[in-house]
Protein backbone atom coordinates (compact mmCIF):
# COMPACT_ATOMS: atom_id res chain seq x y z
CA MET A 1 197.60 31.51 61.99
CA LYS A 2 196.60 34.54 63.99
CA ASP A 3 194.31 35.72 61.16
CA VAL A 4 192.63 32.16 61.09
CA GLU A 5 192.06 32.38 64.91
CA ALA A 6 190.61 35.84 64.59
CA VAL A 7 188.09 34.64 61.93
CA ILE A 8 187.08 31.67 64.02
CA ALA A 9 186.78 33.85 67.15
CA LYS A 10 184.44 36.24 65.27
CA HIS A 11 181.93 33.58 64.53
CA ALA A 12 182.40 31.24 67.64
CA GLY A 13 182.35 34.32 70.05
CA LYS A 14 185.61 33.27 71.83
CA ARG A 15 189.32 32.95 70.84
CA PRO A 16 190.66 29.38 70.35
CA ARG A 17 193.41 27.94 72.40
CA HIS A 18 194.81 25.39 69.85
CA LEU A 19 194.24 24.62 66.19
CA VAL A 20 195.26 20.95 65.24
CA PRO A 21 195.28 19.88 61.58
CA LEU A 22 193.00 17.00 60.75
CA SER A 23 193.10 14.37 57.94
CA GLY A 24 190.72 14.43 55.12
CA GLY A 25 191.39 18.01 54.07
CA SER A 26 192.16 17.41 50.56
CA ILE A 27 189.55 19.75 49.23
CA ALA A 28 189.88 22.30 51.97
CA PRO A 29 192.13 22.73 54.99
CA VAL A 30 190.56 21.04 58.15
CA TYR A 31 191.42 21.89 61.82
CA ARG A 32 190.16 20.73 65.14
CA VAL A 33 189.70 23.94 67.14
CA ASP A 34 190.13 23.56 70.82
CA PHE A 35 189.04 26.22 73.50
CA GLU A 36 189.57 26.79 77.01
CA GLY A 37 187.10 24.62 79.11
CA GLY A 38 187.50 21.63 76.64
CA GLU A 39 185.04 22.69 74.09
CA ARG A 40 186.13 21.57 70.50
CA LEU A 41 184.79 22.64 67.08
CA VAL A 42 185.85 21.78 63.53
CA ALA A 43 186.84 24.54 61.01
CA LYS A 44 187.23 24.09 57.35
CA PHE A 45 188.73 26.95 55.34
CA GLY A 46 188.33 27.90 51.70
CA THR A 47 188.29 30.67 49.09
CA GLU A 48 185.36 32.02 47.14
CA GLY A 49 183.81 29.24 45.16
CA SER A 50 185.18 26.56 47.40
CA GLY A 51 181.75 24.98 48.08
CA LEU A 52 181.81 25.22 51.85
CA ALA A 53 178.66 27.27 51.92
CA LEU A 54 176.85 24.56 50.04
CA GLU A 55 178.31 21.90 52.16
CA GLY A 56 176.89 23.68 55.23
CA ARG A 57 173.55 23.93 53.44
CA MET A 58 173.55 20.19 52.75
CA LEU A 59 174.41 19.21 56.33
CA ARG A 60 171.64 21.65 57.52
CA TYR A 61 169.25 19.90 55.33
CA LEU A 62 170.04 16.52 56.56
CA ALA A 63 169.70 17.72 60.08
CA ALA A 64 166.35 19.20 59.57
CA LYS A 65 164.85 16.58 57.12
CA SER A 66 166.07 13.26 58.50
CA ARG A 67 167.50 11.60 61.57
CA LEU A 68 170.96 10.79 60.02
CA PRO A 69 173.52 12.24 62.70
CA VAL A 70 175.64 14.90 61.06
CA PRO A 71 177.89 17.70 62.64
CA ALA A 72 175.81 20.86 63.59
CA VAL A 73 176.72 23.75 61.50
CA LEU A 74 177.53 26.84 63.47
CA HIS A 75 178.66 29.03 60.37
CA ALA A 76 178.89 28.43 56.69
CA ASP A 77 180.19 30.46 54.01
CA ASP A 78 182.84 29.66 51.27
CA ARG A 79 185.76 30.98 53.50
CA LEU A 80 184.71 29.11 56.76
CA LEU A 81 182.68 26.24 57.61
CA LEU A 82 182.31 25.95 61.44
CA MET A 83 180.92 22.77 62.82
CA ASN A 84 180.54 20.82 66.20
CA TYR A 85 183.45 18.36 66.64
CA VAL A 86 182.34 14.70 66.85
CA GLU A 87 184.27 12.24 68.89
CA SER A 88 185.04 9.06 67.02
CA SER A 89 187.07 6.01 67.43
CA GLY A 90 187.54 5.10 63.66
CA ALA A 91 186.60 1.33 63.71
CA ILE A 92 183.53 0.28 61.64
CA THR A 93 182.58 -2.86 63.48
CA ALA A 94 179.46 -5.15 62.76
CA SER A 95 177.43 -3.22 65.20
CA VAL A 96 178.39 0.05 63.60
CA GLU A 97 177.43 -1.42 60.26
CA GLU A 98 173.91 -2.61 61.63
CA ASP A 99 173.39 1.10 63.15
CA ALA A 100 174.47 2.52 59.68
CA ALA A 101 172.00 0.10 58.03
CA GLU A 102 169.16 1.27 60.09
CA LEU A 103 169.93 4.99 59.68
CA LEU A 104 170.44 4.87 55.94
CA ALA A 105 167.21 2.70 55.48
CA ASP A 106 165.38 5.50 57.18
CA LEU A 107 167.04 8.13 55.12
CA HIS A 108 166.10 6.24 51.94
CA GLY A 109 162.53 6.30 53.07
CA ILE A 110 162.40 10.07 52.70
CA THR A 111 161.05 10.81 49.14
CA ALA A 112 160.41 13.55 46.59
CA ALA A 113 158.38 14.05 43.48
CA HIS A 114 161.51 14.27 41.30
CA PHE A 115 165.02 12.85 40.94
CA GLY A 116 167.81 15.51 41.64
CA PHE A 117 167.57 18.29 44.21
CA GLU A 118 166.72 21.95 44.66
CA GLU A 119 170.22 22.98 43.68
CA ALA A 120 173.33 21.58 42.35
CA THR A 121 175.43 19.89 44.95
CA LEU A 122 179.24 18.73 45.10
CA ILE A 123 180.89 15.36 45.24
CA GLY A 124 184.77 15.50 46.17
CA GLY A 125 184.59 19.28 45.28
CA LEU A 126 183.28 18.56 41.83
CA HIS A 127 179.98 20.17 40.48
CA GLN A 128 177.02 17.63 40.72
CA PRO A 129 173.95 18.76 38.70
CA ASN A 130 170.63 17.97 39.95
CA PRO A 131 167.84 19.23 37.57
CA PRO A 132 164.45 17.90 38.62
CA THR A 133 163.78 14.79 36.42
CA VAL A 134 161.00 12.35 36.39
CA SER A 135 162.80 9.37 34.98
CA TRP A 136 165.57 7.92 37.07
CA ARG A 137 167.22 6.31 34.04
CA GLU A 138 167.43 9.58 32.27
CA PHE A 139 168.83 11.36 35.37
CA PHE A 140 171.55 8.77 35.95
CA ARG A 141 172.34 8.64 32.16
CA ASP A 142 172.46 12.43 31.68
CA GLN A 143 173.44 14.00 34.98
CA ARG A 144 175.78 11.33 36.43
CA LEU A 145 177.09 8.99 33.74
CA CYS A 146 177.51 10.98 30.78
CA TYR A 147 178.09 14.30 32.57
CA MET A 148 181.03 13.02 34.73
CA ALA A 149 182.40 11.23 31.67
CA GLY A 150 182.27 14.24 29.80
CA GLU A 151 184.13 16.26 32.59
CA ALA A 152 186.81 13.59 32.83
CA ALA A 153 187.33 13.46 29.19
CA GLN A 154 187.59 17.30 28.99
CA ALA A 155 190.11 17.24 31.86
CA GLY A 156 192.23 14.95 29.64
CA ARG A 157 191.93 12.10 32.15
CA LEU A 158 189.56 9.77 30.34
CA PRO A 159 190.55 8.46 26.68
CA LYS A 160 188.16 9.56 24.06
CA ALA A 161 187.83 5.95 23.09
CA LEU A 162 186.27 5.16 26.46
CA LEU A 163 183.94 8.11 26.23
CA GLY A 164 182.42 6.62 23.11
CA ARG A 165 181.98 3.37 24.90
CA ILE A 166 180.32 5.10 27.64
CA ASP A 167 177.87 6.74 25.14
CA TRP A 168 177.19 3.33 23.65
CA LEU A 169 176.31 1.98 27.16
CA ALA A 170 174.29 4.99 28.02
CA ALA A 171 171.95 4.39 25.07
CA ARG A 172 171.24 0.84 26.33
CA LEU A 173 170.61 1.49 30.04
CA ASP A 174 167.09 0.21 29.74
CA GLU A 175 168.45 -3.34 29.59
CA TRP A 176 169.43 -3.08 33.25
CA ILE A 177 167.66 -0.11 34.77
CA GLY A 178 163.96 0.30 35.20
CA GLU A 179 161.82 2.90 36.91
CA GLU A 180 161.18 1.16 40.18
CA GLY A 181 160.31 3.20 43.43
CA PRO A 182 159.95 6.88 44.40
CA PRO A 183 163.18 9.25 44.44
CA SER A 184 164.86 8.67 47.80
CA LEU A 185 167.22 10.90 49.73
CA ILE A 186 170.84 9.81 49.77
CA HIS A 187 173.87 10.83 51.57
CA GLY A 188 175.67 10.41 48.23
CA ASP A 189 179.42 9.86 49.26
CA LEU A 190 179.64 6.83 51.32
CA TRP A 191 183.23 6.09 51.60
CA GLY A 192 184.84 5.17 54.81
CA GLY A 193 186.34 8.33 55.45
CA ASN A 194 182.91 9.97 55.65
CA VAL A 195 181.66 7.65 58.26
CA LEU A 196 182.49 8.36 61.94
CA ALA A 197 181.91 5.63 64.54
CA ARG A 198 182.15 5.47 68.32
CA LYS A 199 181.34 2.79 70.93
CA GLY A 200 179.67 0.45 68.27
CA ARG A 201 177.40 3.24 66.76
CA ILE A 202 177.40 5.72 64.06
CA ALA A 203 178.79 8.79 65.64
CA ALA A 204 178.12 10.92 62.35
CA PHE A 205 178.16 11.12 58.53
CA VAL A 206 180.15 13.95 57.15
CA ASP A 207 180.92 15.48 53.73
CA PRO A 208 177.53 14.79 52.04
CA ALA A 209 176.75 14.96 48.30
CA ILE A 210 172.98 14.86 48.63
CA TYR A 211 170.24 14.33 46.13
CA PHE A 212 167.11 12.27 45.50
CA ALA A 213 167.97 9.11 43.77
CA ASP A 214 167.37 5.43 43.40
CA PRO A 215 168.96 4.41 46.78
CA GLU A 216 170.75 1.38 44.95
CA ILE A 217 173.23 3.93 43.84
CA GLU A 218 174.07 4.55 47.50
CA LEU A 219 174.20 0.83 48.23
CA ALA A 220 176.47 0.26 45.24
CA PHE A 221 178.85 3.10 46.17
CA SER A 222 179.32 1.59 49.72
CA THR A 223 180.68 -1.67 48.15
CA LEU A 224 183.29 0.10 45.74
CA PHE A 225 185.68 0.81 48.57
CA SER A 226 184.42 -1.73 51.07
CA THR A 227 182.74 0.89 53.30
CA PHE A 228 180.24 -1.76 54.67
CA GLY A 229 180.15 -5.47 54.64
CA GLU A 230 177.99 -8.28 55.48
CA ALA A 231 176.36 -6.98 58.60
CA PHE A 232 175.17 -3.79 57.01
CA PHE A 233 173.76 -5.49 53.91
CA ARG A 234 171.96 -8.21 56.07
CA ARG A 235 170.31 -5.53 58.22
CA TYR A 236 169.45 -3.26 55.36
CA GLY A 237 168.01 -6.06 53.56
CA GLU A 238 165.84 -6.95 56.50
CA ILE A 239 164.33 -3.47 56.46
CA ARG A 240 164.05 -2.64 52.61
CA GLY A 241 165.20 -5.52 50.73
CA PHE A 242 167.11 -5.70 47.44
CA ARG A 243 165.42 -5.81 43.95
CA GLU A 244 166.29 -8.65 41.70
CA GLY A 245 169.53 -7.48 39.52
CA PHE A 246 171.12 -5.26 41.83
CA TRP A 247 173.87 -7.48 42.97
CA GLU A 248 174.22 -9.00 39.55
CA ASP A 249 174.31 -6.08 37.25
CA ARG A 250 173.38 -2.87 38.63
CA ARG A 251 175.79 -2.63 41.36
CA ALA A 252 178.72 -2.42 38.93
CA LEU A 253 176.78 -0.15 36.69
CA TYR A 254 176.03 2.43 39.19
CA ASN A 255 179.63 2.38 40.48
CA LEU A 256 180.59 3.74 37.07
CA TYR A 257 179.78 7.19 38.48
CA PRO A 258 181.89 7.34 41.43
CA LEU A 259 184.74 5.57 39.38
CA LEU A 260 184.31 8.44 36.80
CA VAL A 261 184.55 10.90 39.60
CA HIS A 262 187.69 9.55 40.66
CA VAL A 263 189.00 9.45 37.11
CA ARG A 264 188.17 13.17 36.81
CA LEU A 265 190.16 13.81 40.05
CA PHE A 266 192.94 11.53 39.79
CA GLY A 267 192.95 9.55 36.67
CA GLY A 268 195.50 6.67 36.99
CA GLY A 269 194.22 3.15 37.83
CA TYR A 270 190.61 4.40 38.12
CA VAL A 271 190.63 4.53 34.26
CA ASP A 272 191.40 0.77 34.22
CA SER A 273 188.50 0.09 36.54
CA VAL A 274 186.10 2.11 34.12
CA GLU A 275 187.31 0.05 31.12
CA ARG A 276 186.77 -3.37 32.90
CA THR A 277 183.30 -2.28 33.83
CA LEU A 278 182.42 -1.22 30.28
CA SER A 279 183.71 -4.65 29.02
CA ARG A 280 181.65 -6.47 31.42
CA PHE A 281 178.44 -4.73 29.96
CA GLY A 282 179.65 -5.39 26.32
CA ALA A 283 180.61 -1.81 25.69
């Protein structure tokens, strides 16, 4: 621990008083760093190739390009990500959902010429390719659905029979997905653990997996693990609305991507969820 404290001191300019382990460190160990005088930071530790430097770049991108509240990054390389500590109470209430809806609607109003991003990003520590692509349907098919299915199959967690059914569905995406709207900036990983709340407002969004997408994929993901509910979708709908077919079909279709991410990481019951979704679309 002395070595860890020395590394933090080098980049923070002073030695920490206490290091307190925080939850959510499945990809990299996370600590709250307490200093004399009450100042607090958050430190994530990794090794070469951990992706912490990329996480820092994503947070800095959001801070520079949007008004989405994110922790300020003090230092970022693959061995150490040092950020401001964000106080939070944990409860996602109706007022928090409404605040989140306004912030994310604003984020989704930031557009680009192509789908994808200026570099590959990460989701759950997994590589997320982002080559600039004009067609959203092609991007979702090749860089999300088929790519992550292939990764899950190669890892031995997705049965080959399901891989074939995903290929069948991928060839028919034009039945459900059009080319509406410009590419929108998204957070990319909106499960509840990445949403920090305090006093009825959003305190911060953390652990982004950013790229430019059809924002429906973000909205869909927020329903997969019940991150947000009625208050969020009512307020978001007032600002940006919902296209016909999202709730009926595309929500489930887009959630195949985060489900495949979870299959690649964990296998188990997520495979059954993928199979049920494929059956729903006739695959």
